[in-house]
Protein backbone atom coordinates (compact mmCIF):
# COMPACT_ATOMS: atom_id res chain seq x y z
CA UNK A 1 0.00 0.00 0.00
CA UNK A 2 1.33 3.46 -0.96
CA UNK A 3 1.83 5.74 2.01
CA UNK A 4 0.66 9.34 1.78
CA UNK A 5 2.77 10.81 4.57
CA UNK A 6 5.63 13.06 3.50
CA UNK A 7 4.43 12.94 -0.09
CA UNK A 8 4.38 16.09 -2.18
CA UNK A 9 0.84 17.22 -2.87
CA UNK A 10 0.89 18.23 -6.52
CA UNK A 11 -1.82 20.40 -8.02
CA UNK A 12 -2.32 18.13 -11.02
CA UNK A 13 -2.14 14.39 -11.66
CA UNK A 14 0.06 13.76 -13.48
CA UNK A 15 2.10 16.83 -12.63
CA UNK A 16 3.99 17.77 -15.80
CA UNK A 17 7.37 19.52 -15.74
CA UNK A 18 8.92 21.23 -18.75
CA UNK A 19 12.66 20.73 -18.25
CA UNK A 20 14.23 23.88 -19.70
CA UNK A 21 17.48 22.99 -17.95
CA UNK A 22 20.28 24.74 -19.81
CA UNK A 23 18.48 24.98 -23.16
CA UNK A 24 18.23 28.74 -22.65
CA UNK A 25 21.93 28.70 -23.71
CA UNK A 26 22.72 31.32 -21.08
CA UNK A 27 20.32 33.94 -22.45
CA UNK A 28 17.69 35.34 -20.08
CA UNK A 29 15.35 36.32 -22.91
CA UNK A 30 15.36 32.73 -24.23
CA UNK A 31 14.68 31.41 -20.73
CA UNK A 32 11.64 33.67 -20.39
CA UNK A 33 10.38 32.74 -23.83
CA UNK A 34 10.64 29.04 -22.94
CA UNK A 35 8.72 29.61 -19.70
CA UNK A 36 5.96 31.29 -21.71
CA UNK A 37 5.86 28.44 -24.26
CA UNK A 38 5.84 25.85 -21.45
CA UNK A 39 2.83 27.48 -19.85
CA UNK A 40 1.11 27.75 -23.22
CA UNK A 41 1.71 24.04 -23.86
CA UNK A 42 0.06 23.06 -20.57
CA UNK A 43 3.01 22.40 -18.26
CA UNK A 44 2.46 22.71 -14.51
CA UNK A 45 6.07 23.69 -13.86
CA UNK A 46 9.34 24.63 -15.51
CA UNK A 47 12.69 23.38 -14.30
CA UNK A 48 16.13 24.91 -14.56
CA UNK A 49 19.63 23.85 -13.49
CA UNK A 50 21.98 25.92 -11.35
CA UNK A 51 25.71 25.40 -10.84
CA UNK A 52 28.35 27.28 -8.89
CA UNK A 53 31.51 26.19 -10.70
CA UNK A 54 33.88 27.21 -7.89
CA UNK A 55 32.00 24.88 -5.52
CA UNK A 56 31.23 22.13 -8.01
CA UNK A 57 34.72 21.79 -9.52
CA UNK A 58 37.67 20.89 -7.31
CA UNK A 59 40.16 22.96 -9.32
CA UNK A 60 38.82 25.42 -11.88
CA UNK A 61 42.17 25.47 -13.66
CA UNK A 62 41.46 21.86 -14.70
CA UNK A 63 38.08 22.71 -16.23
CA UNK A 64 39.31 23.56 -19.70
CA UNK A 65 37.96 26.09 -22.17
CA UNK A 66 34.33 25.91 -23.22
CA UNK A 67 33.95 25.46 -26.97
CA UNK A 68 31.11 24.93 -29.38
CA UNK A 69 28.63 27.46 -30.67
CA UNK A 70 25.54 28.26 -28.57
CA UNK A 71 22.51 29.41 -30.56
CA UNK A 72 21.24 32.87 -29.64
CA UNK A 73 17.68 32.03 -30.70
CA UNK A 74 15.66 29.28 -32.37
CA UNK A 75 16.61 30.46 -35.88
CA UNK A 76 20.32 30.67 -35.16
CA UNK A 77 21.19 27.12 -36.23
CA UNK A 78 23.59 27.32 -39.16
CA UNK A 79 26.75 26.44 -37.28
CA UNK A 80 28.86 23.35 -36.73
CA UNK A 81 27.47 21.24 -33.91
CA UNK A 82 29.25 19.20 -31.25
CA UNK A 83 28.30 15.64 -30.31
CA UNK A 84 26.61 14.95 -26.98
CA UNK A 85 29.24 14.27 -24.33
CA UNK A 86 31.93 16.44 -25.96
CA UNK A 87 30.86 19.71 -24.33
CA UNK A 88 32.99 20.99 -21.44
CA UNK A 89 31.19 20.45 -18.14
CA UNK A 90 30.20 22.71 -16.59
CA UNK A 91 30.03 25.18 -19.44
CA UNK A 92 30.23 28.54 -17.66
CA UNK A 93 28.51 30.26 -20.57
CA UNK A 94 25.26 28.47 -19.67
CA UNK A 95 25.02 29.75 -16.10
CA UNK A 96 22.51 32.44 -15.19
CA UNK A 97 23.15 34.80 -12.26
CA UNK A 98 21.20 34.84 -9.00
CA UNK A 99 19.61 38.09 -10.11
CA UNK A 100 18.46 36.45 -13.35
CA UNK A 101 17.02 33.48 -11.42
CA UNK A 102 15.04 35.91 -9.27
CA UNK A 103 13.68 37.51 -12.46
CA UNK A 104 12.67 34.07 -13.75
CA UNK A 105 10.99 33.20 -10.47
CA UNK A 106 8.91 36.39 -10.58
CA UNK A 107 8.03 35.74 -14.22
CA UNK A 108 6.82 32.23 -13.28
CA UNK A 109 4.70 33.74 -10.52
CA UNK A 110 3.19 36.14 -13.06
CA UNK A 111 2.33 33.27 -15.42
CA UNK A 112 1.17 31.05 -12.52
CA UNK A 113 3.54 28.20 -13.32
CA UNK A 114 5.72 26.48 -10.70
CA UNK A 115 9.45 27.24 -10.56
CA UNK A 116 11.76 24.27 -9.97
CA UNK A 117 15.56 24.25 -10.00
CA UNK A 118 18.18 21.50 -9.79
CA UNK A 119 21.15 22.65 -7.68
CA UNK A 120 24.38 20.84 -8.45
CA UNK A 121 26.33 22.00 -5.40
CA UNK A 122 25.87 23.30 -1.86
CA UNK A 123 26.42 26.98 -2.74
CA UNK A 124 23.69 26.74 -5.36
CA UNK A 125 21.37 25.25 -2.74
CA UNK A 126 22.07 28.18 -0.42
CA UNK A 127 21.43 30.70 -3.21
CA UNK A 128 18.17 29.03 -4.21
CA UNK A 129 16.96 28.99 -0.61
CA UNK A 130 17.25 32.79 -0.68
CA UNK A 131 15.72 33.15 -4.14
CA UNK A 132 12.88 30.74 -3.37
CA UNK A 133 11.73 27.79 -5.47
CA UNK A 134 8.57 25.69 -5.53
CA UNK A 135 10.55 22.44 -5.35
CA UNK A 136 14.15 21.34 -5.44
CA UNK A 137 15.17 18.67 -7.94
CA UNK A 138 18.06 16.22 -7.55
CA UNK A 139 19.68 15.10 -10.79
CA UNK A 140 20.20 11.38 -11.37
CA UNK A 141 23.95 11.65 -10.93
CA UNK A 142 23.38 12.89 -7.37
CA UNK A 143 20.62 10.46 -6.39
CA UNK A 144 23.23 8.21 -4.76
CA UNK A 145 25.49 11.10 -3.69
CA UNK A 146 24.44 10.62 -0.08
CA UNK A 147 26.63 13.46 1.21
CA UNK A 148 24.85 15.96 -1.05
CA UNK A 149 21.43 14.34 -0.52
CA UNK A 150 21.85 14.73 3.24
CA UNK A 151 22.72 18.41 2.84
CA UNK A 152 19.74 19.07 0.57
CA UNK A 153 17.25 16.99 2.57
CA UNK A 154 18.25 18.90 5.72
CA UNK A 155 16.69 22.03 4.16
CA UNK A 156 13.30 20.26 4.36
CA UNK A 157 12.25 21.73 1.04
CA UNK A 158 10.00 19.38 -1.01
CA UNK A 159 12.31 17.59 -3.44
CA UNK A 160 11.93 15.61 -6.67
CA UNK A 161 14.64 12.99 -7.24
CA UNK A 162 15.57 11.39 -10.57
CA UNK A 163 17.03 7.88 -10.37
CA UNK A 164 18.95 7.21 -13.59
CA UNK A 165 22.10 5.09 -13.15
CA UNK A 166 20.89 3.96 -9.69
CA UNK A 167 19.94 0.57 -8.27
CA UNK A 168 16.93 -0.10 -6.05
CA UNK A 169 19.27 -0.56 -3.08
CA UNK A 170 20.86 2.84 -3.65
CA UNK A 171 17.47 4.53 -4.00
CA UNK A 172 16.32 3.01 -0.70
CA UNK A 173 19.34 4.55 1.04
CA UNK A 174 18.44 7.95 -0.37
CA UNK A 175 14.85 7.45 0.77
CA UNK A 176 16.10 6.87 4.33
CA UNK A 177 17.89 10.22 4.24
CA UNK A 178 14.76 12.11 3.25
CA UNK A 179 12.70 10.19 5.79
CA UNK A 180 15.22 11.09 8.48
CA UNK A 181 14.59 14.79 7.90
CA UNK A 182 10.88 14.20 7.16
CA UNK A 183 11.37 16.04 3.88
CA UNK A 184 8.51 15.61 1.38
CA UNK A 185 9.84 13.97 -1.77
CA UNK A 186 9.10 11.83 -4.82
CA UNK A 187 11.42 9.62 -6.90
CA UNK A 188 11.30 9.62 -10.70
CA UNK A 189 12.23 6.57 -12.73
CA UNK A 190 14.74 7.70 -15.34
CA UNK A 191 17.17 6.46 -17.97
CA UNK A 192 20.20 8.75 -18.16
CA UNK A 193 20.90 8.51 -21.87
CA UNK A 194 20.55 11.52 -24.17
CA UNK A 195 18.49 10.58 -26.04
CA UNK A 196 17.26 7.30 -24.54
CA UNK A 197 15.99 4.51 -26.79
CA UNK A 198 12.65 2.81 -26.15
CA UNK A 199 14.47 -0.45 -25.37
CA UNK A 200 16.23 1.24 -22.45
CA UNK A 201 13.23 2.95 -20.86
CA UNK A 202 12.24 -0.08 -18.73
CA UNK A 203 8.94 1.43 -17.67
CA UNK A 204 8.12 -1.70 -15.66
CA UNK A 205 10.46 -0.23 -13.05
CA UNK A 206 7.73 2.30 -12.20
CA UNK A 207 5.29 -0.09 -10.46
CA UNK A 208 8.19 -2.04 -8.94
CA UNK A 209 9.79 1.12 -7.56
CA UNK A 210 6.41 2.17 -6.15
CA UNK A 211 6.08 -1.20 -4.42
CA UNK A 212 9.61 -1.18 -3.02
CA UNK A 213 9.46 2.40 -1.74
CA UNK A 214 5.81 2.21 -0.67
CA UNK A 215 5.48 5.69 -2.16
CA UNK A 216 4.19 7.25 -5.33
CA UNK A 217 6.76 7.64 -8.12
CA UNK A 218 7.09 9.55 -11.38
CA UNK A 219 9.04 9.51 -14.64
CA UNK A 220 11.74 11.68 -16.17
CA UNK A 221 12.18 11.06 -19.88
CA UNK A 222 15.05 11.81 -22.22
CA UNK A 223 13.69 10.32 -25.42
CA UNK A 224 12.95 12.09 -28.68
CA UNK A 225 9.28 11.07 -28.67
CA UNK A 226 6.36 10.83 -26.26
CA UNK A 227 6.05 7.05 -25.88
CA UNK A 228 7.89 6.92 -22.55
CA UNK A 229 5.86 9.70 -20.95
CA UNK A 230 2.55 8.28 -22.16
CA UNK A 231 3.46 4.75 -21.07
CA UNK A 232 4.60 6.01 -17.68
CA UNK A 233 1.29 7.81 -17.21
CA UNK A 234 -0.57 4.60 -18.02
CA UNK A 235 1.50 2.87 -15.33
CA UNK A 236 0.46 5.46 -12.77
CA UNK A 237 3.41 7.89 -12.75
CA UNK A 238 2.41 10.94 -10.69
CA UNK A 239 5.04 13.25 -12.24
CA UNK A 240 6.17 13.50 -15.85
CA UNK A 241 9.31 15.49 -16.67
CA UNK A 242 10.54 16.14 -20.20
CA UNK A 243 13.25 18.32 -21.74
CA UNK A 244 11.98 21.09 -24.03
CA UNK A 245 13.55 23.31 -26.65
CA UNK A 246 12.48 26.02 -29.08
CA UNK A 247 14.22 24.13 -31.88
CA UNK A 248 15.93 20.72 -31.79
CA UNK A 249 18.48 22.05 -34.30
CA UNK A 250 19.72 24.72 -31.90
CA UNK A 251 23.35 24.41 -30.86
CA UNK A 252 23.84 23.45 -27.21
CA UNK A 253 24.34 20.30 -25.11
CA UNK A 254 20.72 19.13 -24.65
CA UNK A 255 18.64 20.43 -27.56
CA UNK A 256 18.75 17.29 -29.69
CA UNK A 257 17.35 15.17 -26.83
CA UNK A 258 14.49 17.59 -26.14
CA UNK A 259 10.97 18.05 -27.45
CA UNK A 260 9.91 21.09 -29.41
CA UNK A 261 6.87 22.74 -27.89
CA UNK A 262 4.33 21.48 -30.43
CA UNK A 263 5.37 17.90 -29.60
CA UNK A 264 5.54 18.69 -25.90
CA UNK A 265 1.95 19.98 -26.05
CA UNK A 266 0.90 16.74 -27.76
CA UNK A 267 2.61 14.84 -24.94
CA UNK A 268 0.86 16.92 -22.26
CA UNK A 269 -2.56 16.48 -23.88
CA UNK A 270 -2.04 12.75 -24.42
CA UNK A 271 -0.83 12.16 -20.86
CA UNK A 272 -3.84 14.03 -19.49
CA UNK A 273 -6.20 11.92 -21.62
CA UNK A 274 -4.45 8.68 -20.63
CA UNK A 275 -4.72 9.62 -16.95
CA UNK A 276 -8.42 10.36 -17.37
CA UNK A 277 -8.81 7.07 -19.24
CA UNK A 278 -7.36 5.14 -16.31
CA UNK A 279 -10.53 6.03 -14.43
CA UNK A 280 -11.69 3.57 -11.79
CA UNK A 281 -11.03 -0.12 -11.21
CA UNK A 282 -14.75 -0.60 -10.58
CA UNK A 283 -16.30 -2.63 -13.42
CA UNK A 284 -19.94 -1.72 -13.94
CA UNK A 285 -22.56 -0.77 -16.52
CA UNK A 286 -21.88 2.89 -17.32
CA UNK A 287 -24.37 5.57 -18.25
CA UNK A 288 -22.41 6.22 -21.43
CA UNK A 289 -22.98 2.59 -22.50
CA UNK A 290 -26.78 2.77 -22.33
CA UNK A 291 -27.33 3.96 -25.91
CA UNK A 292 -25.45 1.05 -27.51
CA UNK A 293 -26.93 -1.38 -25.00
CA UNK A 294 -30.46 -0.34 -25.93
CA UNK A 295 -29.68 -0.84 -29.64
CA UNK A 296 -27.98 -4.23 -29.39
CA UNK A 297 -29.40 -5.97 -26.34
CA UNK A 298 -31.48 -9.12 -26.86
CA UNK A 299 -34.30 -10.48 -24.70
CA UNK A 300 -35.57 -13.99 -24.05
CA UNK A 301 -38.32 -15.23 -26.42
CA UNK A 302 -40.07 -18.56 -26.97
CA UNK A 303 -38.29 -20.70 -29.59
CA UNK A 304 -40.74 -23.66 -29.49
CA UNK A 305 -44.29 -23.74 -28.20
CA UNK A 306 -44.29 -24.21 -24.41
CA UNK A 307 -47.25 -25.83 -22.65
CA UNK A 308 -48.48 -24.87 -19.18
CA UNK A 309 -46.31 -26.55 -16.50
CA UNK A 310 -43.46 -27.27 -18.92
CA UNK A 311 -39.96 -26.27 -17.87
CA UNK A 312 -37.97 -23.63 -19.73
CA UNK A 313 -34.82 -25.08 -21.28
CA UNK A 314 -32.15 -24.16 -23.80
CA UNK A 315 -34.16 -25.79 -26.61
CA UNK A 316 -37.47 -24.00 -26.14
CA UNK A 317 -36.18 -20.47 -25.45
CA UNK A 318 -33.58 -18.23 -27.04
CA UNK A 319 -32.43 -14.59 -27.07
CA UNK A 320 -33.38 -12.24 -29.88
CA UNK A 321 -33.66 -8.57 -30.71
CA UNK A 322 -37.16 -7.50 -29.67
CA UNK A 323 -36.98 -3.69 -29.90
CA UNK A 324 -39.11 -3.58 -26.73
CA UNK A 325 -38.31 -2.00 -23.38
CA UNK A 326 -39.66 -4.86 -21.31
CA UNK A 327 -38.48 -8.46 -21.29
CA UNK A 328 -35.78 -10.50 -19.56
CA UNK A 329 -32.10 -9.73 -20.21
CA UNK A 330 -29.70 -12.50 -21.33
CA UNK A 331 -27.66 -12.21 -18.12
CA UNK A 332 -30.59 -13.69 -16.18
CA UNK A 333 -30.48 -17.01 -18.11
CA UNK A 334 -29.61 -19.12 -15.08
CA UNK A 335 -32.30 -17.39 -13.06
CA UNK A 336 -35.08 -18.54 -15.39
CA UNK A 337 -33.68 -21.89 -16.58
CA UNK A 338 -35.91 -24.84 -15.55
CA UNK A 339 -38.69 -22.55 -14.34
CA UNK A 340 -42.21 -23.92 -15.02
CA UNK A 341 -44.51 -22.01 -17.33
CA UNK A 342 -47.75 -20.68 -15.78
CA UNK A 343 -49.58 -20.95 -19.10
CA UNK A 344 -49.21 -21.93 -22.72
CA UNK A 345 -46.62 -19.80 -24.51
CA UNK A 346 -46.54 -19.33 -28.26
CA UNK A 347 -43.49 -19.14 -30.53
CA UNK A 348 -41.97 -15.64 -30.63
CA UNK A 349 -43.59 -14.53 -27.39
CA UNK A 350 -41.36 -12.25 -25.30
CA UNK A 351 -40.76 -13.75 -21.87
CA UNK A 352 -41.27 -11.86 -18.65
CA UNK A 353 -41.31 -12.97 -15.04
CA UNK A 354 -45.12 -13.29 -15.02
CA UNK A 355 -44.84 -16.17 -17.53
CA UNK A 356 -43.49 -18.75 -15.06
CA UNK A 357 -43.58 -19.83 -11.48
C-alpha cells in the first residue's frame, strides 16, 4: 500500500514539468520565452539547473575552455554542432546569475507556473533557498550522492529525485535520508541517456519502484518522442518530466534530446487523456454505455411452443432482438432456466417474469 505521509501534494495528476534545464543557452530572454511556451503548452512547472563552478569543480584550472557554438535564438542554427558528451562540463557560458534566477521566479509567478531548479552543489542550494523555489530537484547523478542528498534533505524543502544510473538498493538509502529529515519527496524513474531509446526505458520499473518504496513515483524522460511519458502515465506515474527546446536544431548540449513545444503539447494532452482514461477499477454498466446497450441488447423469447407446466430449457427459449423495453435480459439465463410455465406460450412470445412460477 502506498503511504501518503511526507508525499508532495501536486496540483495536477500527473504533474507535468517542462525541463528547460540549460536549453536557454545562457540567455535570459530565451529562458523567459521558454517559460511562456511551457505554460502555453500546458506544463504545470518549468525546471532549470543551477551550478556554482567554484563549488562544483575541485580545481577550476582543470576545467578547460568551453567550446562549441551556442545558438542565440531558435533560428540561429547554421553552425557546426558538437556531439553529446563532448561539451565541457560545466560550461560557464550556460550559467545564469542569482539576479536572473530571481527575475525568472517572478516571471513564473506572473504566469502562474511552478518554478523548480536542480542545484548541483551546496552553494547553489544556499542561493536558491534565498531566491525561493517551488521544489528542489536532484539530478540522477546525485541520487546516490548521499553526502549531497543529506545536505539538501536537511533544508526540508519538497524535493523531486531522478534515479537514472541507480539501483533499487541505492534509491532506498536515499529514501532513508529524506525520511530522516521528514522532507517531502518523490522519486522519478529515469534512464540517463541523451536521447534514450525505447528499449532502455524499462517502464516496468515504475510499479516495482512504487512497491519497493511504498510511495508514489514519477518519470523523467530523455527520449525524442512521447512514448515513454505516455506509457509512464498509463503505469500510474504521478510526475512527468521532459526536456523542451524552441528548436531541436539549436546548438547546445541538450537540444537534440528535447521536445519542441508542439510535440511537448501533444505529450501533455495525451498524458492528461491517458490519466483520465485510467478512471476507476470498478467494473460496472456505465451511463455512457446505455445507448449502444439499448440498440444491441437481446431479450428472451419462446423458440418452441411451451405448454403450461413445462420447464424452460435451452431448446425452447432463445435470445433475440425484440426492440421492446420490457423483457428479460440475457444475463438472467440461469435465473429462469428450468422454471415452469404458468400458461401456454406461443413461438416468438417475449418472456417476462409473469410467464413462469
